[in-house]
C-alpha atoms as a PDB file:
ATOM      1  CA  MET A   1      22.339  -5.077 -23.180  1.00  0.00           C
ATOM      2  CA  ARG A   2      20.821  -8.333 -21.976  1.00  0.00           C
ATOM      3  CA  SER A   3      18.386  -8.275 -19.112  1.00  0.00           C
ATOM      4  CA  PRO A   4      16.295 -11.000 -17.475  1.00  0.00           C
ATOM      5  CA  ARG A   5      13.218  -9.622 -19.225  1.00  0.00           C
ATOM      6  CA  SER A   6      14.878  -9.656 -22.642  1.00  0.00           C
ATOM      7  CA  LEU A   7      16.040 -13.253 -22.101  1.00  0.00           C
ATOM      8  CA  VAL A   8      12.567 -14.610 -21.345  1.00  0.00           C
ATOM      9  CA  GLY A   9      10.643 -12.221 -23.565  1.00  0.00           C
ATOM     10  CA  GLY A  10       8.424 -11.035 -20.756  1.00  0.00           C
ATOM     11  CA  SER A  11       6.786  -7.695 -20.508  1.00  0.00           C
ATOM     12  CA  PRO A  12       4.781  -6.112 -17.716  1.00  0.00           C
ATOM     13  CA  ALA A  13       1.032  -6.452 -17.772  1.00  0.00           C
ATOM     14  CA  ALA A  14      -1.163  -3.427 -18.240  1.00  0.00           C
ATOM     15  CA  VAL A  15      -0.888  -0.757 -15.587  1.00  0.00           C
ATOM     16  CA  HIS A  16      -3.972   0.111 -13.557  1.00  0.00           C
ATOM     17  CA  GLU A  17      -4.553   2.850 -10.997  1.00  0.00           C
ATOM     18  CA  ILE A  18      -5.339   3.048  -7.326  1.00  0.00           C
ATOM     19  CA  THR A  19      -5.804   6.186  -5.271  1.00  0.00           C
ATOM     20  CA  PHE A  20      -3.970   7.047  -2.086  1.00  0.00           C
ATOM     21  CA  ASP A  21      -5.449   9.929  -0.110  1.00  0.00           C
ATOM     22  CA  GLY A  22      -7.010  11.136  -3.366  1.00  0.00           C
ATOM     23  CA  ARG A  23      -3.789  10.910  -5.399  1.00  0.00           C
ATOM     24  CA  GLU A  24      -3.834   8.551  -8.399  1.00  0.00           C
ATOM     25  CA  LEU A  25      -0.937   6.073  -8.457  1.00  0.00           C
ATOM     26  CA  PRO A  26       0.021   3.534 -11.141  1.00  0.00           C
ATOM     27  CA  ALA A  27       0.064  -0.122 -10.099  1.00  0.00           C
ATOM     28  CA  LEU A  28       1.052  -3.343 -11.834  1.00  0.00           C
ATOM     29  CA  PRO A  29      -0.912  -6.562 -11.424  1.00  0.00           C
ATOM     30  CA  GLY A  30       0.452  -8.519  -8.465  1.00  0.00           C
ATOM     31  CA  GLN A  31       1.981  -5.540  -6.679  1.00  0.00           C
ATOM     32  CA  SER A  32       1.152  -5.089  -3.031  1.00  0.00           C
ATOM     33  CA  ILE A  33      -0.226  -1.768  -1.889  1.00  0.00           C
ATOM     34  CA  ALA A  34       3.067  -1.183  -0.030  1.00  0.00           C
ATOM     35  CA  ALA A  35       5.022  -1.707  -3.282  1.00  0.00           C
ATOM     36  CA  VAL A  36       2.807   0.792  -5.097  1.00  0.00           C
ATOM     37  CA  LEU A  37       3.287   3.360  -2.325  1.00  0.00           C
ATOM     38  CA  TRP A  38       7.061   2.793  -2.213  1.00  0.00           C
ATOM     39  CA  GLY A  39       7.215   3.161  -5.993  1.00  0.00           C
ATOM     40  CA  ALA A  40       5.521   6.545  -5.669  1.00  0.00           C
ATOM     41  CA  GLY A  41       8.038   7.655  -3.017  1.00  0.00           C
ATOM     42  CA  ILE A  42       5.532   7.373  -0.153  1.00  0.00           C
ATOM     43  CA  LEU A  43       7.282   5.867   2.858  1.00  0.00           C
ATOM     44  CA  ALA A  44       4.791   6.492   5.673  1.00  0.00           C
ATOM     45  CA  TRP A  45       1.034   5.922   5.547  1.00  0.00           C
ATOM     46  CA  ARG A  46      -0.056   5.361   9.130  1.00  0.00           C
ATOM     47  CA  THR A  47       0.268   7.210  12.409  1.00  0.00           C
ATOM     48  CA  THR A  48       0.530   5.599  15.818  1.00  0.00           C
ATOM     49  CA  ARG A  49      -2.315   5.671  18.303  1.00  0.00           C
ATOM     50  CA  GLU A  50      -0.278   7.570  20.883  1.00  0.00           C
ATOM     51  CA  GLY A  51       1.856  10.420  19.657  1.00  0.00           C
ATOM     52  CA  GLY A  52       0.913  10.268  15.972  1.00  0.00           C
ATOM     53  CA  ALA A  53       4.346   8.988  14.881  1.00  0.00           C
ATOM     54  CA  PRO A  54       4.566   8.097  11.170  1.00  0.00           C
ATOM     55  CA  ARG A  55       4.795   4.448  10.166  1.00  0.00           C
ATOM     56  CA  GLY A  56       5.139   2.551   6.898  1.00  0.00           C
ATOM     57  CA  ALA A  57       6.499  -0.871   6.011  1.00  0.00           C
ATOM     58  CA  PHE A  58       8.888  -2.385   8.528  1.00  0.00           C
ATOM     59  CA  CYS A  59       9.069  -6.157   8.092  1.00  0.00           C
ATOM     60  CA  GLY A  60       7.430  -6.425   4.662  1.00  0.00           C
ATOM     61  CA  ILE A  61       6.064  -9.927   5.397  1.00  0.00           C
ATOM     62  CA  GLY A  62       2.938  -9.219   7.429  1.00  0.00           C
ATOM     63  CA  SER A  63       4.328  -9.891  10.901  1.00  0.00           C
ATOM     64  CA  CYS A  64       4.609  -6.441  12.450  1.00  0.00           C
ATOM     65  CA  TYR A  65       1.439  -4.470  11.579  1.00  0.00           C
ATOM     66  CA  ASP A  66       3.354  -1.215  11.035  1.00  0.00           C
ATOM     67  CA  CYS A  67       2.038  -0.892   7.472  1.00  0.00           C
ATOM     68  CA  LEU A  68      -1.685  -0.697   8.260  1.00  0.00           C
ATOM     69  CA  VAL A  69      -3.878   1.274   5.843  1.00  0.00           C
ATOM     70  CA  THR A  70      -7.559   1.677   5.168  1.00  0.00           C
ATOM     71  CA  VAL A  71      -8.536   0.046   1.855  1.00  0.00           C
ATOM     72  CA  ASN A  72     -11.946   0.765   0.370  1.00  0.00           C
ATOM     73  CA  GLY A  73     -13.190   1.845   3.791  1.00  0.00           C
ATOM     74  CA  ARG A  74     -11.821  -1.224   5.627  1.00  0.00           C
ATOM     75  CA  PRO A  75      -9.276  -0.238   8.298  1.00  0.00           C
ATOM     76  CA  ASN A  76      -6.327  -2.288   9.543  1.00  0.00           C
ATOM     77  CA  GLN A  77      -5.283  -3.803   6.211  1.00  0.00           C
ATOM     78  CA  ARG A  78      -1.588  -4.735   5.991  1.00  0.00           C
ATOM     79  CA  ALA A  79      -0.279  -2.900   2.928  1.00  0.00           C
ATOM     80  CA  CYS A  80       2.560  -5.386   2.477  1.00  0.00           C
ATOM     81  CA  LEU A  81       0.101  -8.274   2.018  1.00  0.00           C
ATOM     82  CA  VAL A  82      -2.894  -6.730   0.240  1.00  0.00           C
ATOM     83  CA  PRO A  83      -2.658  -6.789  -3.559  1.00  0.00           C
ATOM     84  CA  ALA A  84      -3.414  -3.493  -5.281  1.00  0.00           C
ATOM     85  CA  ARG A  85      -6.564  -3.954  -7.339  1.00  0.00           C
ATOM     86  CA  PRO A  86      -7.841  -1.599 -10.035  1.00  0.00           C
ATOM     87  CA  GLY A  87      -9.800   1.264  -8.507  1.00  0.00           C
ATOM     88  CA  ASP A  88      -8.788   0.601  -4.894  1.00  0.00           C
ATOM     89  CA  SER A  89      -9.139   3.607  -2.620  1.00  0.00           C
ATOM     90  CA  VAL A  90      -6.383   3.588  -0.021  1.00  0.00           C
ATOM     91  CA  THR A  91      -6.194   6.135   2.777  1.00  0.00           C
ATOM     92  CA  THR A  92      -3.792   6.956   5.560  1.00  0.00           C
ATOM     93  CA  GLN A  93      -4.747   5.234   8.774  1.00  0.00           C
ATOM     94  CA  GLU A  94      -4.614   7.287  11.942  1.00  0.00           C
ATOM     95  CA  GLY A  95      -4.236   5.329  15.170  1.00  0.00           C
ATOM     96  CA  THR A  96      -6.446   2.244  15.215  1.00  0.00           C
ATOM     97  CA  GLY A  97      -8.398   3.237  12.124  1.00  0.00           C
ATOM     98  CA  ARG A  98     -11.653   2.814  14.002  1.00  0.00           C
ATOM     99  CA  ALA A  99     -12.416   6.317  15.237  1.00  0.00           C
ATOM    100  CA  ASP A 100     -15.898   6.187  13.720  1.00  0.00           C
ATOM    101  CA  LEU A 101     -16.662   3.055  15.770  1.00  0.00           C
ATOM    102  CA  ALA A 102     -15.586   4.677  19.059  1.00  0.00           C
ATOM    103  CA  VAL A 103     -13.332   1.705  19.874  1.00  0.00           C
END
């Protein structure tokens, strides 16, 4: 069977790992954090400030801010735009992600 990959002779680059809430997940170079989470079957990774409703990717192009996560201790990172880098530590973001700053 012919596939686009077989026609151009491409193959994926080496897989690396990131962690999400302590769980190790495989990631390919160039994948966004949202793509890695989707690939692992994780559809929600943030809760809203009021009510704690689950949120994940909505627009997928960085316009809506529904996909916010904390990456390596930095809150409010848009998972659909941030590339997954080897060793990244990603955590669920609750509310504004700034509870420790009392904002």
